[in-house]
Amino acid sequence: MTRPVIPIPKTPSSPFPLLVKRAPIIAGFGRGSSAIGCPTANIPIEALSEADKLDTGVYFGWCKIHPVDTQKDVHQRQDGTQVEFKYGDGLRNGVDINTVLPMVMSLGWNPFFKNKEKAAEIHVIHKFPETFYGAELSFNILGYIRPELDYTSVESLIKDIGIDIEVAKDSLATEGYQSYKEQVNNVK
């Protein structure tokens, strides 16, 4: 499958920017970290009201993780595995939480994994010391990188994810996208 090249405009163009003020981070399928080495913060698809209007594929923007003041607990994934919800506990203020970070988001059915439900999976481009299930995520969507593809191998999927991350970082480093950090930073 050939990866399409979609030009990124110098600034967000309609329908962007889109802002999601706060969405809970839920447990996904657990394959982002384990199968492809790209951990994701999954959000309920209903938290993204524009999800039905957007094409499936990969998007980029800014995000901020907000800790939630509650006790840690354990939740069960659909496959029966257990996940500890730490709600942002153990993350560093101003480094991991309450700071604006770059992100890429996969929105769709993930045909390689044969998802039965549409998913919004956000990879925050940052190394975290802890998981943060249960915390809340503010984010904006500033542009579209590419459509979702049905890969023939996990290696080709991983390669394209690496390209997606570089496209996001390069785009967000430009003047036309830097100012949109404030849109996310202003969410309390």
C-alpha atoms as a PDB file:
ATOM      1  CA  MET A   1       0.000   0.000   0.000  1.00  0.00           C
ATOM      2  CA  THR A   2       1.381   3.391  -0.980  1.00  0.00           C
ATOM      3  CA  ARG A   3       1.356   6.133   1.611  1.00  0.00           C
ATOM      4  CA  PRO A   4      -0.355   9.205   0.131  1.00  0.00           C
ATOM      5  CA  VAL A   5       1.424  12.546   0.421  1.00  0.00           C
ATOM      6  CA  ILE A   6      -0.987  15.190   1.663  1.00  0.00           C
ATOM      7  CA  PRO A   7       0.410  18.731   1.805  1.00  0.00           C
ATOM      8  CA  ILE A   8       0.130  20.410   5.210  1.00  0.00           C
ATOM      9  CA  PRO A   9      -1.031  24.048   4.922  1.00  0.00           C
ATOM     10  CA  LYS A  10       1.032  26.819   6.574  1.00  0.00           C
ATOM     11  CA  THR A  11      -1.774  27.398   9.093  1.00  0.00           C
ATOM     12  CA  PRO A  12      -4.844  25.366  10.099  1.00  0.00           C
ATOM     13  CA  SER A  13      -7.602  25.510   7.491  1.00  0.00           C
ATOM     14  CA  SER A  14     -11.292  24.659   7.822  1.00  0.00           C
ATOM     15  CA  PRO A  15     -12.569  22.698   9.695  1.00  0.00           C
ATOM     16  CA  PHE A  16      -9.517  23.208  11.909  1.00  0.00           C
ATOM     17  CA  PRO A  17      -8.737  24.119  14.605  1.00  0.00           C
ATOM     18  CA  LEU A  18     -11.056  21.870  16.613  1.00  0.00           C
ATOM     19  CA  LEU A  19     -10.814  21.978  20.405  1.00  0.00           C
ATOM     20  CA  VAL A  20     -11.770  19.244  22.868  1.00  0.00           C
ATOM     21  CA  LYS A  21     -11.724  20.887  26.289  1.00  0.00           C
ATOM     22  CA  ARG A  22     -11.570  17.753  28.439  1.00  0.00           C
ATOM     23  CA  ALA A  23     -11.912  14.058  27.722  1.00  0.00           C
ATOM     24  CA  PRO A  24     -11.206  11.147  30.073  1.00  0.00           C
ATOM     25  CA  ILE A  25      -8.296   8.876  29.162  1.00  0.00           C
ATOM     26  CA  ILE A  26      -9.611   5.319  29.015  1.00  0.00           C
ATOM     27  CA  ALA A  27      -7.977   1.916  28.609  1.00  0.00           C
ATOM     28  CA  GLY A  28      -7.722   0.858  24.997  1.00  0.00           C
ATOM     29  CA  PHE A  29      -6.670  -2.486  23.592  1.00  0.00           C
ATOM     30  CA  GLY A  30      -3.158  -2.389  25.070  1.00  0.00           C
ATOM     31  CA  ARG A  31      -1.449  -2.881  21.725  1.00  0.00           C
ATOM     32  CA  GLY A  32      -0.104   0.656  21.291  1.00  0.00           C
ATOM     33  CA  SER A  33       2.664   0.022  23.795  1.00  0.00           C
ATOM     34  CA  SER A  34       3.042  -3.737  23.482  1.00  0.00           C
ATOM     35  CA  ALA A  35       2.560  -4.477  19.767  1.00  0.00           C
ATOM     36  CA  ILE A  36       3.868  -1.341  18.084  1.00  0.00           C
ATOM     37  CA  GLY A  37       5.871   0.558  20.709  1.00  0.00           C
ATOM     38  CA  CYS A  38       3.678   3.638  20.426  1.00  0.00           C
ATOM     39  CA  PRO A  39       1.603   4.129  23.593  1.00  0.00           C
ATOM     40  CA  THR A  40      -1.680   5.948  23.134  1.00  0.00           C
ATOM     41  CA  ALA A  41      -4.100   7.888  25.292  1.00  0.00           C
ATOM     42  CA  ASN A  42      -7.472   6.583  24.174  1.00  0.00           C
ATOM     43  CA  ILE A  43     -10.505   8.791  24.587  1.00  0.00           C
ATOM     44  CA  PRO A  44     -14.164   7.820  24.269  1.00  0.00           C
ATOM     45  CA  ILE A  45     -15.248   8.495  20.697  1.00  0.00           C
ATOM     46  CA  GLU A  46     -18.325  10.346  22.000  1.00  0.00           C
ATOM     47  CA  ALA A  47     -15.991  12.896  23.672  1.00  0.00           C
ATOM     48  CA  LEU A  48     -14.996  13.996  20.170  1.00  0.00           C
ATOM     49  CA  SER A  49     -18.298  15.397  18.928  1.00  0.00           C
ATOM     50  CA  GLU A  50     -16.800  16.114  15.495  1.00  0.00           C
ATOM     51  CA  ALA A  51     -15.718  12.474  15.000  1.00  0.00           C
ATOM     52  CA  ASP A  52     -18.529  11.694  12.568  1.00  0.00           C
ATOM     53  CA  LYS A  53     -17.684  14.738  10.446  1.00  0.00           C
ATOM     54  CA  LEU A  54     -13.964  13.972  10.146  1.00  0.00           C
ATOM     55  CA  ASP A  55     -12.424  11.528   7.706  1.00  0.00           C
ATOM     56  CA  THR A  56     -10.760   8.551   9.304  1.00  0.00           C
ATOM     57  CA  GLY A  57      -7.005   8.850   9.427  1.00  0.00           C
ATOM     58  CA  VAL A  58      -4.159  10.538  11.256  1.00  0.00           C
ATOM     59  CA  TYR A  59      -4.318  14.082  12.632  1.00  0.00           C
ATOM     60  CA  PHE A  60      -1.962  16.325  14.606  1.00  0.00           C
ATOM     61  CA  GLY A  61      -2.208  19.055  17.212  1.00  0.00           C
ATOM     62  CA  TRP A  62      -1.391  20.041  20.780  1.00  0.00           C
ATOM     63  CA  CYS A  63      -2.559  18.445  24.020  1.00  0.00           C
ATOM     64  CA  LYS A  64      -2.374  18.825  27.787  1.00  0.00           C
ATOM     65  CA  ILE A  65      -2.882  16.154  30.449  1.00  0.00           C
ATOM     66  CA  HIS A  66      -4.818  17.159  33.564  1.00  0.00           C
ATOM     67  CA  PRO A  67      -4.484  14.960  36.660  1.00  0.00           C
ATOM     68  CA  VAL A  68      -7.688  13.939  38.425  1.00  0.00           C
ATOM     69  CA  ASP A  69      -7.688  13.943  42.219  1.00  0.00           C
ATOM     70  CA  THR A  70      -9.025  10.483  43.007  1.00  0.00           C
ATOM     71  CA  GLN A  71      -7.786   7.170  44.390  1.00  0.00           C
ATOM     72  CA  LYS A  72      -5.973   4.757  42.094  1.00  0.00           C
ATOM     73  CA  ASP A  73      -8.058   1.779  41.047  1.00  0.00           C
ATOM     74  CA  VAL A  74      -8.065  -1.133  38.624  1.00  0.00           C
ATOM     75  CA  HIS A  75     -10.244  -1.431  35.517  1.00  0.00           C
ATOM     76  CA  GLN A  76     -10.739  -4.407  33.240  1.00  0.00           C
ATOM     77  CA  ARG A  77     -10.188  -4.225  29.481  1.00  0.00           C
ATOM     78  CA  GLN A  78     -12.561  -5.916  27.050  1.00  0.00           C
ATOM     79  CA  ASP A  79     -10.070  -8.778  26.733  1.00  0.00           C
ATOM     80  CA  GLY A  80     -10.090  -9.333  30.499  1.00  0.00           C
ATOM     81  CA  THR A  81      -6.656  -7.887  31.288  1.00  0.00           C
ATOM     82  CA  GLN A  82      -6.459  -5.456  34.165  1.00  0.00           C
ATOM     83  CA  VAL A  83      -5.176  -1.889  33.970  1.00  0.00           C
ATOM     84  CA  GLU A  84      -4.252   0.371  36.866  1.00  0.00           C
ATOM     85  CA  PHE A  85      -5.844   3.802  36.635  1.00  0.00           C
ATOM     86  CA  LYS A  86      -3.444   6.284  38.278  1.00  0.00           C
ATOM     87  CA  TYR A  87      -5.278   9.456  37.152  1.00  0.00           C
ATOM     88  CA  GLY A  88      -1.973  11.248  36.516  1.00  0.00           C
ATOM     89  CA  ASP A  89      -0.420  10.381  39.877  1.00  0.00           C
ATOM     90  CA  GLY A  90       3.363  10.057  39.554  1.00  0.00           C
ATOM     91  CA  LEU A  91       3.609  12.480  36.642  1.00  0.00           C
ATOM     92  CA  ARG A  92       5.690  15.647  36.977  1.00  0.00           C
ATOM     93  CA  ASN A  93       3.866  18.992  37.043  1.00  0.00           C
ATOM     94  CA  GLY A  94       4.995  21.267  34.216  1.00  0.00           C
ATOM     95  CA  VAL A  95       6.871  18.405  32.536  1.00  0.00           C
ATOM     96  CA  ASP A  96       4.311  15.622  31.988  1.00  0.00           C
ATOM     97  CA  ILE A  97       1.078  17.251  33.190  1.00  0.00           C
ATOM     98  CA  ASN A  98      -0.286  20.794  33.042  1.00  0.00           C
ATOM     99  CA  THR A  99       1.992  21.542  30.100  1.00  0.00           C
ATOM    100  CA  VAL A 100       1.263  21.608  26.362  1.00  0.00           C
ATOM    101  CA  LEU A 101       2.763  18.751  24.340  1.00  0.00           C
ATOM    102  CA  PRO A 102       2.599  17.726  20.655  1.00  0.00           C
ATOM    103  CA  MET A 103       0.363  14.849  19.604  1.00  0.00           C
ATOM    104  CA  VAL A 104      -0.765  12.698  16.701  1.00  0.00           C
ATOM    105  CA  MET A 105      -4.199  11.095  16.706  1.00  0.00           C
ATOM    106  CA  SER A 106      -5.480   8.055  14.872  1.00  0.00           C
ATOM    107  CA  LEU A 107      -9.216   8.321  14.284  1.00  0.00           C
ATOM    108  CA  GLY A 108     -10.970   5.346  12.782  1.00  0.00           C
ATOM    109  CA  TRP A 109     -11.293   1.595  12.590  1.00  0.00           C
ATOM    110  CA  ASN A 110      -7.611   0.584  12.480  1.00  0.00           C
ATOM    111  CA  PRO A 111      -8.082  -1.950   9.676  1.00  0.00           C
ATOM    112  CA  PHE A 112      -4.746  -3.686  10.428  1.00  0.00           C
ATOM    113  CA  PHE A 113      -6.135  -4.672  13.844  1.00  0.00           C
ATOM    114  CA  LYS A 114      -9.698  -5.253  12.537  1.00  0.00           C
ATOM    115  CA  ASN A 115     -11.369  -2.989  15.112  1.00  0.00           C
ATOM    116  CA  LYS A 116     -15.118  -3.420  15.427  1.00  0.00           C
ATOM    117  CA  GLU A 117     -15.553   0.035  16.981  1.00  0.00           C
ATOM    118  CA  LYS A 118     -14.331   3.414  15.838  1.00  0.00           C
ATOM    119  CA  ALA A 119     -11.541   4.680  18.094  1.00  0.00           C
ATOM    120  CA  ALA A 120      -9.733   7.932  18.887  1.00  0.00           C
ATOM    121  CA  GLU A 121      -6.177   7.082  19.918  1.00  0.00           C
ATOM    122  CA  ILE A 122      -3.796   9.912  20.765  1.00  0.00           C
ATOM    123  CA  HIS A 123      -0.037   9.434  20.911  1.00  0.00           C
ATOM    124  CA  VAL A 124       1.446  12.216  23.021  1.00  0.00           C
ATOM    125  CA  ILE A 125       4.933  12.875  21.642  1.00  0.00           C
ATOM    126  CA  HIS A 126       6.701  12.707  25.006  1.00  0.00           C
ATOM    127  CA  LYS A 127       8.310  10.062  27.234  1.00  0.00           C
ATOM    128  CA  PHE A 128       6.308   9.533  30.439  1.00  0.00           C
ATOM    129  CA  PRO A 129       7.568   7.913  33.646  1.00  0.00           C
ATOM    130  CA  GLU A 130       4.110   6.470  34.439  1.00  0.00           C
ATOM    131  CA  THR A 131       0.844   5.586  32.735  1.00  0.00           C
ATOM    132  CA  PHE A 132      -1.961   8.086  33.164  1.00  0.00           C
ATOM    133  CA  TYR A 133      -5.213   6.214  32.620  1.00  0.00           C
ATOM    134  CA  GLY A 134      -8.082   8.140  34.198  1.00  0.00           C
ATOM    135  CA  ALA A 135      -6.473  11.564  33.833  1.00  0.00           C
ATOM    136  CA  GLU A 136      -8.152  14.036  31.474  1.00  0.00           C
ATOM    137  CA  LEU A 137      -6.863  15.294  28.147  1.00  0.00           C
ATOM    138  CA  SER A 138      -7.415  18.674  26.506  1.00  0.00           C
ATOM    139  CA  PHE A 139      -6.396  18.806  22.864  1.00  0.00           C
ATOM    140  CA  ASN A 140      -6.838  20.563  19.582  1.00  0.00           C
ATOM    141  CA  ILE A 141      -6.824  19.091  16.117  1.00  0.00           C
ATOM    142  CA  LEU A 142      -4.965  21.338  13.705  1.00  0.00           C
ATOM    143  CA  GLY A 143      -4.465  19.282  10.577  1.00  0.00           C
ATOM    144  CA  TYR A 144      -4.810  16.022   8.674  1.00  0.00           C
ATOM    145  CA  ILE A 145      -1.740  13.940   7.858  1.00  0.00           C
ATOM    146  CA  ARG A 146      -3.156  10.954   5.958  1.00  0.00           C
ATOM    147  CA  PRO A 147      -6.042   8.478   5.664  1.00  0.00           C
ATOM    148  CA  GLU A 148      -5.995   5.246   7.666  1.00  0.00           C
ATOM    149  CA  LEU A 149      -4.480   2.371   5.726  1.00  0.00           C
ATOM    150  CA  ASP A 150      -4.739  -1.410   5.936  1.00  0.00           C
ATOM    151  CA  TYR A 151      -1.122  -2.514   6.342  1.00  0.00           C
ATOM    152  CA  THR A 152       0.273  -5.867   5.255  1.00  0.00           C
ATOM    153  CA  SER A 153       2.764  -6.024   8.142  1.00  0.00           C
ATOM    154  CA  VAL A 154       3.249  -4.530  11.594  1.00  0.00           C
ATOM    155  CA  GLU A 155       6.660  -3.274  10.421  1.00  0.00           C
ATOM    156  CA  SER A 156       5.100  -1.122   7.687  1.00  0.00           C
ATOM    157  CA  LEU A 157       2.569   0.233  10.213  1.00  0.00           C
ATOM    158  CA  ILE A 158       5.371   1.129  12.652  1.00  0.00           C
ATOM    159  CA  LYS A 159       7.341   2.819   9.846  1.00  0.00           C
ATOM    160  CA  ASP A 160       4.352   4.993   8.887  1.00  0.00           C
ATOM    161  CA  ILE A 161       3.683   5.913  12.532  1.00  0.00           C
ATOM    162  CA  GLY A 162       7.278   7.169  12.704  1.00  0.00           C
ATOM    163  CA  ILE A 163       6.679   9.294   9.603  1.00  0.00           C
ATOM    164  CA  ASP A 164       3.396  10.600  11.074  1.00  0.00           C
ATOM    165  CA  ILE A 165       5.217  11.688  14.234  1.00  0.00           C
ATOM    166  CA  GLU A 166       7.896  13.512  12.222  1.00  0.00           C
ATOM    167  CA  VAL A 167       5.269  15.253  10.056  1.00  0.00           C
ATOM    168  CA  ALA A 168       3.453  16.373  13.224  1.00  0.00           C
ATOM    169  CA  LYS A 169       6.630  17.621  14.917  1.00  0.00           C
ATOM    170  CA  ASP A 170       7.781  19.486  11.793  1.00  0.00           C
ATOM    171  CA  SER A 171       4.355  21.081  11.258  1.00  0.00           C
ATOM    172  CA  LEU A 172       3.887  22.067  14.910  1.00  0.00           C
ATOM    173  CA  ALA A 173       7.351  23.671  14.959  1.00  0.00           C
ATOM    174  CA  THR A 174       6.266  26.240  12.363  1.00  0.00           C
ATOM    175  CA  GLU A 175       4.995  29.703  13.237  1.00  0.00           C
ATOM    176  CA  GLY A 176       1.563  28.954  11.767  1.00  0.00           C
ATOM    177  CA  TYR A 177       0.927  26.217  14.358  1.00  0.00           C
ATOM    178  CA  GLN A 178       2.926  27.395  17.386  1.00  0.00           C
ATOM    179  CA  SER A 179       0.314  29.968  18.402  1.00  0.00           C
ATOM    180  CA  TYR A 180      -2.314  27.227  18.822  1.00  0.00           C
ATOM    181  CA  LYS A 181      -0.475  25.903  21.892  1.00  0.00           C
ATOM    182  CA  GLU A 182      -2.195  28.716  23.818  1.00  0.00           C
ATOM    183  CA  GLN A 183      -5.634  27.453  22.804  1.00  0.00           C
ATOM    184  CA  VAL A 184      -4.922  24.231  24.715  1.00  0.00           C
ATOM    185  CA  ASN A 185      -2.934  25.903  27.491  1.00  0.00           C
ATOM    186  CA  ASN A 186      -5.906  28.146  28.319  1.00  0.00           C
ATOM    187  CA  VAL A 187      -8.137  25.153  29.128  1.00  0.00           C
ATOM    188  CA  LYS A 188      -8.393  24.846  32.914  1.00  0.00           C
END
